[in-house]
Amino acid sequence: MPAVKRYNPEAPRKVQWRGLLLYILPIPLLPSAIAALMGGRLIQALALASGFALAMLAAGLIRKGIRLEQEGKLRRFKRRASTTPYRMFGSIALAVGMFLVAWLGIPHSHGLFDSILYGLAVVLGSYLYYGFDPARKDPQVATVGITTEELIELLDEADGRIDAIESAGKDIRNAEFRQRLRRIATEARVILDTIEEDPTDARRARKFLKVYLDGAQQVTEGYARAHKNDENPELEDNFRRVLTTIETVINEQQAKLRENNVSDLDVTIEVLQMQLEKEGVV
């Protein structure tokens, strides 16, 4: 079994703070726009307000580009972090906003040519400080039917479901069930680790990561809530059978990923869904 390195969204502290200044610096533009509007200077007010709005948009785009690149590195994707050049679009939005502020937002301060140069300088400064999104040097995850952004979101959701299974398992008094749920969580993370190393099967494994893990989470949380302090042999037997099915699906998923073939896994997932509805453990 390969060692599983859990994804930790709190790890990239550099990314958490990087780009926040872009939200702070344009703030004075908003009260200036309000003051210009109250003074009857409509064009100036619109320019300042537009500059503020574009700067906020740019901050969001640039930070998203940085975050996606860092998450791609944490997830060990040897591919471009995003199929959309967020940082480039953000830099352009910021440049347009500052051009409007320089040309129309500050009367008699800058001419059209100077304002254009000012906007170009903003693009250059943004590129030098934040960079643009990596070029398409490697194959895209999108070529196998899923974008890198979708894959990051898919794995994050799966991580959250596994965490929920582990958390619910701690509230179950039955030692056998707790141990089996810990093993299920560990094996599920092995599958995530395999997909990170080779995302080729991510699109075909999407139903497993969404439907199967969601079902496993629901049944575990439901059992933990309803039977935390009660002992019901019949319900315990039902839950035990469901855990066996879950373990079987996990083993089959691992085998399919090793064989690079998950085409017939959907049948087993449908069986699990029907069993969750029938057993009545939730």
C-alpha atoms as a PDB file:
ATOM      1  CA  MET A   1       0.000   0.000   0.000  1.00  0.00           C
ATOM      2  CA  PRO A   2       1.472   3.391  -0.949  1.00  0.00           C
ATOM      3  CA  ALA A   3       1.950   6.001   1.696  1.00  0.00           C
ATOM      4  CA  VAL A   4      -0.922   8.455   1.579  1.00  0.00           C
ATOM      5  CA  LYS A   5      -0.089  12.100   2.070  1.00  0.00           C
ATOM      6  CA  ARG A   6      -3.262  13.910   3.065  1.00  0.00           C
ATOM      7  CA  TYR A   7      -4.077  17.158   1.315  1.00  0.00           C
ATOM      8  CA  ASN A   8      -3.933  20.080   3.726  1.00  0.00           C
ATOM      9  CA  PRO A   9      -5.565  23.287   2.425  1.00  0.00           C
ATOM     10  CA  GLU A  10      -4.059  25.251   5.308  1.00  0.00           C
ATOM     11  CA  ALA A  11      -0.497  24.389   4.251  1.00  0.00           C
ATOM     12  CA  PRO A  12       0.168  27.053   1.596  1.00  0.00           C
ATOM     13  CA  ARG A  13       0.349  30.062   3.927  1.00  0.00           C
ATOM     14  CA  LYS A  14       2.125  32.026   1.214  1.00  0.00           C
ATOM     15  CA  VAL A  15      -0.904  31.720  -1.035  1.00  0.00           C
ATOM     16  CA  GLN A  16      -3.316  32.657   1.757  1.00  0.00           C
ATOM     17  CA  TRP A  17      -1.787  36.116   2.043  1.00  0.00           C
ATOM     18  CA  ARG A  18      -0.436  36.699  -1.423  1.00  0.00           C
ATOM     19  CA  GLY A  19      -2.577  39.122  -3.386  1.00  0.00           C
ATOM     20  CA  LEU A  20      -4.582  40.445  -0.424  1.00  0.00           C
ATOM     21  CA  LEU A  21      -2.994  43.865  -0.937  1.00  0.00           C
ATOM     22  CA  LEU A  22      -4.928  44.099  -4.204  1.00  0.00           C
ATOM     23  CA  TYR A  23      -8.143  44.234  -2.177  1.00  0.00           C
ATOM     24  CA  ILE A  24      -6.834  46.946   0.157  1.00  0.00           C
ATOM     25  CA  LEU A  25      -5.145  49.469  -2.148  1.00  0.00           C
ATOM     26  CA  PRO A  26      -8.252  50.378  -4.225  1.00  0.00           C
ATOM     27  CA  ILE A  27     -10.440  51.070  -1.173  1.00  0.00           C
ATOM     28  CA  PRO A  28      -9.893  54.884  -1.274  1.00  0.00           C
ATOM     29  CA  LEU A  29     -11.410  54.915  -4.759  1.00  0.00           C
ATOM     30  CA  LEU A  30     -14.866  54.092  -3.387  1.00  0.00           C
ATOM     31  CA  PRO A  31     -15.308  57.105  -1.065  1.00  0.00           C
ATOM     32  CA  SER A  32     -13.722  59.279  -3.762  1.00  0.00           C
ATOM     33  CA  ALA A  33     -16.341  58.067  -6.245  1.00  0.00           C
ATOM     34  CA  ILE A  34     -19.120  58.833  -3.763  1.00  0.00           C
ATOM     35  CA  ALA A  35     -17.710  62.311  -3.131  1.00  0.00           C
ATOM     36  CA  ALA A  36     -17.454  62.976  -6.871  1.00  0.00           C
ATOM     37  CA  LEU A  37     -21.041  61.845  -7.374  1.00  0.00           C
ATOM     38  CA  MET A  38     -22.300  64.086  -4.575  1.00  0.00           C
ATOM     39  CA  GLY A  39     -20.360  66.963  -6.137  1.00  0.00           C
ATOM     40  CA  GLY A  40     -22.118  66.460  -9.447  1.00  0.00           C
ATOM     41  CA  ARG A  41     -19.007  65.154 -11.282  1.00  0.00           C
ATOM     42  CA  LEU A  42     -20.693  62.166 -12.924  1.00  0.00           C
ATOM     43  CA  ILE A  43     -17.890  61.156 -15.343  1.00  0.00           C
ATOM     44  CA  GLN A  44     -15.283  61.281 -12.586  1.00  0.00           C
ATOM     45  CA  ALA A  45     -17.539  59.273 -10.268  1.00  0.00           C
ATOM     46  CA  LEU A  46     -18.119  56.589 -12.911  1.00  0.00           C
ATOM     47  CA  ALA A  47     -14.381  56.365 -13.651  1.00  0.00           C
ATOM     48  CA  LEU A  48     -13.487  55.987  -9.985  1.00  0.00           C
ATOM     49  CA  ALA A  49     -16.264  53.481  -9.344  1.00  0.00           C
ATOM     50  CA  SER A  50     -15.270  51.482 -12.432  1.00  0.00           C
ATOM     51  CA  GLY A  51     -11.640  51.520 -11.323  1.00  0.00           C
ATOM     52  CA  PHE A  52     -12.645  50.200  -7.906  1.00  0.00           C
ATOM     53  CA  ALA A  53     -14.857  47.451  -9.346  1.00  0.00           C
ATOM     54  CA  LEU A  54     -12.212  46.340 -11.861  1.00  0.00           C
ATOM     55  CA  ALA A  55      -9.544  46.319  -9.148  1.00  0.00           C
ATOM     56  CA  MET A  56     -11.729  44.068  -6.954  1.00  0.00           C
ATOM     57  CA  LEU A  57     -12.355  41.775  -9.930  1.00  0.00           C
ATOM     58  CA  ALA A  58      -8.632  41.702 -10.686  1.00  0.00           C
ATOM     59  CA  ALA A  59      -7.791  40.814  -7.086  1.00  0.00           C
ATOM     60  CA  GLY A  60     -10.181  37.854  -7.195  1.00  0.00           C
ATOM     61  CA  LEU A  61      -8.873  36.590 -10.527  1.00  0.00           C
ATOM     62  CA  ILE A  62      -5.194  36.918  -9.626  1.00  0.00           C
ATOM     63  CA  ARG A  63      -5.646  35.212  -6.258  1.00  0.00           C
ATOM     64  CA  LYS A  64      -7.632  32.413  -7.885  1.00  0.00           C
ATOM     65  CA  GLY A  65      -4.845  31.834 -10.400  1.00  0.00           C
ATOM     66  CA  ILE A  66      -2.266  31.704  -7.604  1.00  0.00           C
ATOM     67  CA  ARG A  67      -4.416  29.356  -5.526  1.00  0.00           C
ATOM     68  CA  LEU A  68      -5.068  26.954  -8.386  1.00  0.00           C
ATOM     69  CA  GLU A  69      -1.387  26.768  -9.282  1.00  0.00           C
ATOM     70  CA  GLN A  70      -0.401  26.055  -5.687  1.00  0.00           C
ATOM     71  CA  GLU A  71      -3.144  23.460  -5.235  1.00  0.00           C
ATOM     72  CA  GLY A  72      -2.026  21.796  -8.448  1.00  0.00           C
ATOM     73  CA  LYS A  73       1.496  21.556  -7.008  1.00  0.00           C
ATOM     74  CA  LEU A  74       0.200  20.192  -3.702  1.00  0.00           C
ATOM     75  CA  ARG A  75      -1.840  17.656  -5.615  1.00  0.00           C
ATOM     76  CA  ARG A  76       1.254  16.703  -7.609  1.00  0.00           C
ATOM     77  CA  PHE A  77      -0.287  17.498 -10.980  1.00  0.00           C
ATOM     78  CA  LYS A  78       2.430  17.784 -13.591  1.00  0.00           C
ATOM     79  CA  ARG A  79       0.106  19.935 -15.665  1.00  0.00           C
ATOM     80  CA  ARG A  80      -0.972  23.509 -15.960  1.00  0.00           C
ATOM     81  CA  ALA A  81      -2.925  24.476 -12.835  1.00  0.00           C
ATOM     82  CA  SER A  82      -5.752  26.102 -14.770  1.00  0.00           C
ATOM     83  CA  THR A  83      -7.177  26.026 -18.276  1.00  0.00           C
ATOM     84  CA  THR A  84      -8.091  29.723 -17.833  1.00  0.00           C
ATOM     85  CA  PRO A  85      -5.306  32.368 -17.520  1.00  0.00           C
ATOM     86  CA  TYR A  86      -6.808  34.001 -14.427  1.00  0.00           C
ATOM     87  CA  ARG A  87      -3.748  36.062 -13.516  1.00  0.00           C
ATOM     88  CA  MET A  88      -3.407  37.468 -17.016  1.00  0.00           C
ATOM     89  CA  PHE A  89      -7.101  38.408 -17.145  1.00  0.00           C
ATOM     90  CA  GLY A  90      -6.799  39.905 -13.666  1.00  0.00           C
ATOM     91  CA  SER A  91      -3.794  41.986 -14.668  1.00  0.00           C
ATOM     92  CA  ILE A  92      -5.650  43.299 -17.716  1.00  0.00           C
ATOM     93  CA  ALA A  93      -8.710  44.170 -15.616  1.00  0.00           C
ATOM     94  CA  LEU A  94      -6.515  46.001 -13.120  1.00  0.00           C
ATOM     95  CA  ALA A  95      -4.754  47.882 -15.918  1.00  0.00           C
ATOM     96  CA  VAL A  96      -8.053  48.981 -17.487  1.00  0.00           C
ATOM     97  CA  GLY A  97      -9.343  50.128 -14.102  1.00  0.00           C
ATOM     98  CA  MET A  98      -6.236  52.159 -13.352  1.00  0.00           C
ATOM     99  CA  PHE A  99      -6.288  53.606 -16.876  1.00  0.00           C
ATOM    100  CA  LEU A 100      -9.812  54.907 -16.281  1.00  0.00           C
ATOM    101  CA  VAL A 101      -8.835  56.334 -12.910  1.00  0.00           C
ATOM    102  CA  ALA A 102      -5.757  58.074 -14.342  1.00  0.00           C
ATOM    103  CA  TRP A 103      -7.545  59.440 -17.404  1.00  0.00           C
ATOM    104  CA  LEU A 104     -11.019  60.380 -16.136  1.00  0.00           C
ATOM    105  CA  GLY A 105     -10.944  59.869 -12.379  1.00  0.00           C
ATOM    106  CA  ILE A 106      -8.299  62.475 -11.615  1.00  0.00           C
ATOM    107  CA  PRO A 107      -9.170  65.662 -13.560  1.00  0.00           C
ATOM    108  CA  HIS A 108      -6.349  67.512 -15.284  1.00  0.00           C
ATOM    109  CA  SER A 109      -3.818  64.987 -13.963  1.00  0.00           C
ATOM    110  CA  HIS A 110      -3.077  62.643 -16.857  1.00  0.00           C
ATOM    111  CA  GLY A 111      -3.662  62.815 -20.583  1.00  0.00           C
ATOM    112  CA  LEU A 112      -4.817  59.896 -22.725  1.00  0.00           C
ATOM    113  CA  PHE A 113      -1.296  58.839 -23.726  1.00  0.00           C
ATOM    114  CA  ASP A 114       0.046  59.066 -20.182  1.00  0.00           C
ATOM    115  CA  SER A 115      -2.937  57.075 -18.921  1.00  0.00           C
ATOM    116  CA  ILE A 116      -2.292  54.328 -21.478  1.00  0.00           C
ATOM    117  CA  LEU A 117       1.325  54.144 -20.355  1.00  0.00           C
ATOM    118  CA  TYR A 118       0.136  53.994 -16.762  1.00  0.00           C
ATOM    119  CA  GLY A 119      -2.125  51.028 -17.603  1.00  0.00           C
ATOM    120  CA  LEU A 120       0.711  49.227 -19.388  1.00  0.00           C
ATOM    121  CA  ALA A 121       2.938  49.799 -16.378  1.00  0.00           C
ATOM    122  CA  VAL A 122       0.277  48.200 -14.166  1.00  0.00           C
ATOM    123  CA  VAL A 123       0.224  45.096 -16.394  1.00  0.00           C
ATOM    124  CA  LEU A 124       4.014  44.881 -16.277  1.00  0.00           C
ATOM    125  CA  GLY A 125       4.136  45.366 -12.515  1.00  0.00           C
ATOM    126  CA  SER A 126       1.450  42.739 -11.959  1.00  0.00           C
ATOM    127  CA  TYR A 127       3.328  40.283 -14.166  1.00  0.00           C
ATOM    128  CA  LEU A 128       6.653  40.886 -12.431  1.00  0.00           C
ATOM    129  CA  TYR A 129       5.159  40.541  -8.949  1.00  0.00           C
ATOM    130  CA  TYR A 130       2.470  37.879  -9.391  1.00  0.00           C
ATOM    131  CA  GLY A 131       3.425  36.286 -12.697  1.00  0.00           C
ATOM    132  CA  PHE A 132       1.044  34.890 -15.280  1.00  0.00           C
ATOM    133  CA  ASP A 133      -0.392  31.399 -15.444  1.00  0.00           C
ATOM    134  CA  PRO A 134       2.052  28.714 -16.655  1.00  0.00           C
ATOM    135  CA  ALA A 135       2.173  28.052 -20.368  1.00  0.00           C
ATOM    136  CA  ARG A 136       0.687  24.890 -21.827  1.00  0.00           C
ATOM    137  CA  LYS A 137       3.830  22.814 -21.855  1.00  0.00           C
ATOM    138  CA  ASP A 138       2.280  19.587 -20.600  1.00  0.00           C
ATOM    139  CA  PRO A 139      -0.845  17.608 -21.525  1.00  0.00           C
ATOM    140  CA  GLN A 140      -4.008  19.000 -19.995  1.00  0.00           C
ATOM    141  CA  VAL A 141      -6.241  16.978 -17.709  1.00  0.00           C
ATOM    142  CA  ALA A 142      -9.040  18.358 -19.864  1.00  0.00           C
ATOM    143  CA  THR A 143      -7.884  16.077 -22.683  1.00  0.00           C
ATOM    144  CA  VAL A 144      -9.286  13.088 -20.773  1.00  0.00           C
ATOM    145  CA  GLY A 145     -12.644  14.762 -20.183  1.00  0.00           C
ATOM    146  CA  ILE A 146     -12.111  16.817 -17.020  1.00  0.00           C
ATOM    147  CA  THR A 147     -10.382  20.132 -16.391  1.00  0.00           C
ATOM    148  CA  THR A 148      -7.742  20.540 -13.732  1.00  0.00           C
ATOM    149  CA  GLU A 149     -10.003  22.894 -11.792  1.00  0.00           C
ATOM    150  CA  GLU A 150     -12.776  20.286 -11.801  1.00  0.00           C
ATOM    151  CA  LEU A 151     -10.302  17.636 -10.683  1.00  0.00           C
ATOM    152  CA  ILE A 152      -9.069  19.760  -7.762  1.00  0.00           C
ATOM    153  CA  GLU A 153     -12.670  20.388  -6.712  1.00  0.00           C
ATOM    154  CA  LEU A 154     -13.503  16.702  -7.068  1.00  0.00           C
ATOM    155  CA  LEU A 155     -10.584  15.607  -4.883  1.00  0.00           C
ATOM    156  CA  ASP A 156     -11.298  18.303  -2.297  1.00  0.00           C
ATOM    157  CA  GLU A 157     -14.902  17.119  -1.999  1.00  0.00           C
ATOM    158  CA  ALA A 158     -13.755  13.514  -1.700  1.00  0.00           C
ATOM    159  CA  ASP A 159     -11.288  14.507   1.048  1.00  0.00           C
ATOM    160  CA  GLY A 160     -14.108  16.216   2.915  1.00  0.00           C
ATOM    161  CA  ARG A 161     -16.327  13.136   2.690  1.00  0.00           C
ATOM    162  CA  ILE A 162     -13.539  10.895   3.986  1.00  0.00           C
ATOM    163  CA  ASP A 163     -12.959  13.300   6.893  1.00  0.00           C
ATOM    164  CA  ALA A 164     -16.693  13.150   7.675  1.00  0.00           C
ATOM    165  CA  ILE A 165     -16.618   9.337   7.658  1.00  0.00           C
ATOM    166  CA  GLU A 166     -13.690   9.343  10.093  1.00  0.00           C
ATOM    167  CA  SER A 167     -15.384  11.906  12.329  1.00  0.00           C
ATOM    168  CA  ALA A 168     -18.674   9.974  12.431  1.00  0.00           C
ATOM    169  CA  GLY A 169     -16.810   6.740  13.121  1.00  0.00           C
ATOM    170  CA  LYS A 170     -15.403   8.217  16.331  1.00  0.00           C
ATOM    171  CA  ASP A 171     -18.959   8.589  17.658  1.00  0.00           C
ATOM    172  CA  ILE A 172     -19.789   4.905  17.170  1.00  0.00           C
ATOM    173  CA  ARG A 173     -19.306   2.767  20.261  1.00  0.00           C
ATOM    174  CA  ASN A 174     -18.820  -0.520  18.419  1.00  0.00           C
ATOM    175  CA  ALA A 175     -15.050  -1.135  18.257  1.00  0.00           C
ATOM    176  CA  GLU A 176     -15.337  -3.367  15.189  1.00  0.00           C
ATOM    177  CA  PHE A 177     -17.191  -0.655  13.250  1.00  0.00           C
ATOM    178  CA  ARG A 178     -14.700   2.041  14.281  1.00  0.00           C
ATOM    179  CA  GLN A 179     -11.779  -0.071  13.101  1.00  0.00           C
ATOM    180  CA  ARG A 180     -13.452  -0.918   9.792  1.00  0.00           C
ATOM    181  CA  LEU A 181     -14.349   2.722   9.141  1.00  0.00           C
ATOM    182  CA  ARG A 182     -10.740   3.765   9.793  1.00  0.00           C
ATOM    183  CA  ARG A 183      -9.600   1.150   7.303  1.00  0.00           C
ATOM    184  CA  ILE A 184     -12.180   2.331   4.755  1.00  0.00           C
ATOM    185  CA  ALA A 185     -10.960   5.933   5.129  1.00  0.00           C
ATOM    186  CA  THR A 186      -7.337   4.859   4.691  1.00  0.00           C
ATOM    187  CA  GLU A 187      -8.100   2.806   1.591  1.00  0.00           C
ATOM    188  CA  ALA A 188     -10.190   5.623   0.111  1.00  0.00           C
ATOM    189  CA  ARG A 189      -7.257   7.997   0.495  1.00  0.00           C
ATOM    190  CA  VAL A 190      -5.061   5.497  -1.318  1.00  0.00           C
ATOM    191  CA  ILE A 191      -7.471   5.811  -4.244  1.00  0.00           C
ATOM    192  CA  LEU A 192      -7.228   9.617  -4.131  1.00  0.00           C
ATOM    193  CA  ASP A 193      -3.446   9.303  -4.046  1.00  0.00           C
ATOM    194  CA  THR A 194      -3.522   7.053  -7.107  1.00  0.00           C
ATOM    195  CA  ILE A 195      -5.681   9.531  -9.022  1.00  0.00           C
ATOM    196  CA  GLU A 196      -3.347  12.396  -8.087  1.00  0.00           C
ATOM    197  CA  GLU A 197      -0.377  10.514  -9.458  1.00  0.00           C
ATOM    198  CA  ASP A 198      -2.201   9.635 -12.679  1.00  0.00           C
ATOM    199  CA  PRO A 199      -5.372  11.714 -13.298  1.00  0.00           C
ATOM    200  CA  THR A 200      -6.104   9.833 -16.545  1.00  0.00           C
ATOM    201  CA  ASP A 201      -8.947   7.873 -14.917  1.00  0.00           C
ATOM    202  CA  ALA A 202     -10.340  10.828 -12.977  1.00  0.00           C
ATOM    203  CA  ARG A 203     -13.300  11.345 -15.283  1.00  0.00           C
ATOM    204  CA  ARG A 204     -14.331   7.687 -15.140  1.00  0.00           C
ATOM    205  CA  ALA A 205     -13.763   7.582 -11.371  1.00  0.00           C
ATOM    206  CA  ARG A 206     -15.916  10.686 -10.852  1.00  0.00           C
ATOM    207  CA  LYS A 207     -19.032   8.663 -10.028  1.00  0.00           C
ATOM    208  CA  PHE A 208     -17.109   6.632  -7.477  1.00  0.00           C
ATOM    209  CA  LEU A 209     -15.712   9.746  -5.792  1.00  0.00           C
ATOM    210  CA  LYS A 210     -19.068  11.518  -5.720  1.00  0.00           C
ATOM    211  CA  VAL A 211     -21.831   8.900  -5.468  1.00  0.00           C
ATOM    212  CA  TYR A 212     -20.037   6.168  -3.576  1.00  0.00           C
ATOM    213  CA  LEU A 213     -18.232   8.296  -1.010  1.00  0.00           C
ATOM    214  CA  ASP A 214     -21.348  10.421  -0.512  1.00  0.00           C
ATOM    215  CA  GLY A 215     -23.378   7.282   0.171  1.00  0.00           C
ATOM    216  CA  ALA A 216     -20.743   5.942   2.551  1.00  0.00           C
ATOM    217  CA  GLN A 217     -20.681   9.282   4.384  1.00  0.00           C
ATOM    218  CA  GLN A 218     -24.467   9.450   4.686  1.00  0.00           C
ATOM    219  CA  VAL A 219     -24.884   5.930   5.993  1.00  0.00           C
ATOM    220  CA  THR A 220     -22.046   6.335   8.514  1.00  0.00           C
ATOM    221  CA  GLU A 221     -23.278   9.679   9.830  1.00  0.00           C
ATOM    222  CA  GLY A 222     -26.849   8.404   9.956  1.00  0.00           C
ATOM    223  CA  TYR A 223     -25.878   5.319  11.923  1.00  0.00           C
ATOM    224  CA  ALA A 224     -23.710   7.365  14.294  1.00  0.00           C
ATOM    225  CA  ARG A 225     -26.560   9.820  14.998  1.00  0.00           C
ATOM    226  CA  ALA A 226     -29.332   7.270  15.403  1.00  0.00           C
ATOM    227  CA  HIS A 227     -27.479   4.530  17.249  1.00  0.00           C
ATOM    228  CA  LYS A 228     -24.769   6.307  19.228  1.00  0.00           C
ATOM    229  CA  ASN A 229     -25.998   4.984  22.566  1.00  0.00           C
ATOM    230  CA  ASP A 230     -28.430   2.239  21.541  1.00  0.00           C
ATOM    231  CA  GLU A 231     -27.604  -1.367  20.894  1.00  0.00           C
ATOM    232  CA  ASN A 232     -29.802  -2.978  18.268  1.00  0.00           C
ATOM    233  CA  PRO A 233     -28.485  -6.323  16.992  1.00  0.00           C
ATOM    234  CA  GLU A 234     -30.596  -6.229  13.825  1.00  0.00           C
ATOM    235  CA  LEU A 235     -29.439  -2.748  12.848  1.00  0.00           C
ATOM    236  CA  GLU A 236     -25.860  -3.659  13.697  1.00  0.00           C
ATOM    237  CA  ASP A 237     -26.085  -6.612  11.324  1.00  0.00           C
ATOM    238  CA  ASN A 238     -27.480  -4.337   8.609  1.00  0.00           C
ATOM    239  CA  PHE A 239     -24.673  -1.826   9.095  1.00  0.00           C
ATOM    240  CA  ARG A 240     -22.115  -4.624   9.107  1.00  0.00           C
ATOM    241  CA  ARG A 241     -23.391  -5.811   5.711  1.00  0.00           C
ATOM    242  CA  VAL A 242     -23.223  -2.264   4.358  1.00  0.00           C
ATOM    243  CA  LEU A 243     -19.616  -1.922   5.569  1.00  0.00           C
ATOM    244  CA  THR A 244     -18.770  -5.165   3.801  1.00  0.00           C
ATOM    245  CA  THR A 245     -20.242  -3.797   0.577  1.00  0.00           C
ATOM    246  CA  ILE A 246     -18.295  -0.561   0.998  1.00  0.00           C
ATOM    247  CA  GLU A 247     -15.054  -2.464   1.513  1.00  0.00           C
ATOM    248  CA  THR A 248     -15.793  -4.584  -1.550  1.00  0.00           C
ATOM    249  CA  VAL A 249     -16.384  -1.510  -3.701  1.00  0.00           C
ATOM    250  CA  ILE A 250     -13.132   0.060  -2.461  1.00  0.00           C
ATOM    251  CA  ASN A 251     -11.149  -3.069  -3.315  1.00  0.00           C
ATOM    252  CA  GLU A 252     -12.741  -3.253  -6.756  1.00  0.00           C
ATOM    253  CA  GLN A 253     -12.066   0.440  -7.399  1.00  0.00           C
ATOM    254  CA  GLN A 254      -8.395  -0.022  -6.501  1.00  0.00           C
ATOM    255  CA  ALA A 255      -8.175  -3.027  -8.809  1.00  0.00           C
ATOM    256  CA  LYS A 256      -9.807  -1.125 -11.677  1.00  0.00           C
ATOM    257  CA  LEU A 257      -7.441   1.803 -11.256  1.00  0.00           C
ATOM    258  CA  ARG A 258      -4.464  -0.561 -11.277  1.00  0.00           C
ATOM    259  CA  GLU A 259      -5.843  -2.128 -14.454  1.00  0.00           C
ATOM    260  CA  ASN A 260      -6.580   1.351 -15.840  1.00  0.00           C
ATOM    261  CA  ASN A 261     -10.184   0.239 -16.381  1.00  0.00           C
ATOM    262  CA  VAL A 262     -13.174   1.349 -14.338  1.00  0.00           C
ATOM    263  CA  SER A 263     -15.761   0.869 -17.052  1.00  0.00           C
ATOM    264  CA  ASP A 264     -17.830  -1.741 -15.192  1.00  0.00           C
ATOM    265  CA  LEU A 265     -17.602  -0.220 -11.712  1.00  0.00           C
ATOM    266  CA  ASP A 266     -20.944   1.583 -12.067  1.00  0.00           C
ATOM    267  CA  VAL A 267     -22.835  -1.699 -11.613  1.00  0.00           C
ATOM    268  CA  THR A 268     -21.317  -2.218  -8.156  1.00  0.00           C
ATOM    269  CA  ILE A 269     -22.031   1.383  -7.197  1.00  0.00           C
ATOM    270  CA  GLU A 270     -25.697   0.971  -8.176  1.00  0.00           C
ATOM    271  CA  VAL A 271     -25.858  -2.157  -6.000  1.00  0.00           C
ATOM    272  CA  LEU A 272     -24.455  -0.168  -3.061  1.00  0.00           C
ATOM    273  CA  GLN A 273     -27.033   2.592  -3.573  1.00  0.00           C
ATOM    274  CA  MET A 274     -29.905   0.102  -3.510  1.00  0.00           C
ATOM    275  CA  GLN A 275     -28.498  -1.573  -0.418  1.00  0.00           C
ATOM    276  CA  LEU A 276     -28.209   1.723   1.450  1.00  0.00           C
ATOM    277  CA  GLU A 277     -31.879   2.363   0.758  1.00  0.00           C
ATOM    278  CA  LYS A 278     -32.945  -1.154   1.719  1.00  0.00           C
ATOM    279  CA  GLU A 279     -30.988  -1.856   4.893  1.00  0.00           C
ATOM    280  CA  GLY A 280     -32.530   0.968   6.918  1.00  0.00           C
ATOM    281  CA  VAL A 281     -29.436   1.748   8.989  1.00  0.00           C
ATOM    282  CA  VAL A 282     -29.998   5.501   8.687  1.00  0.00           C
END
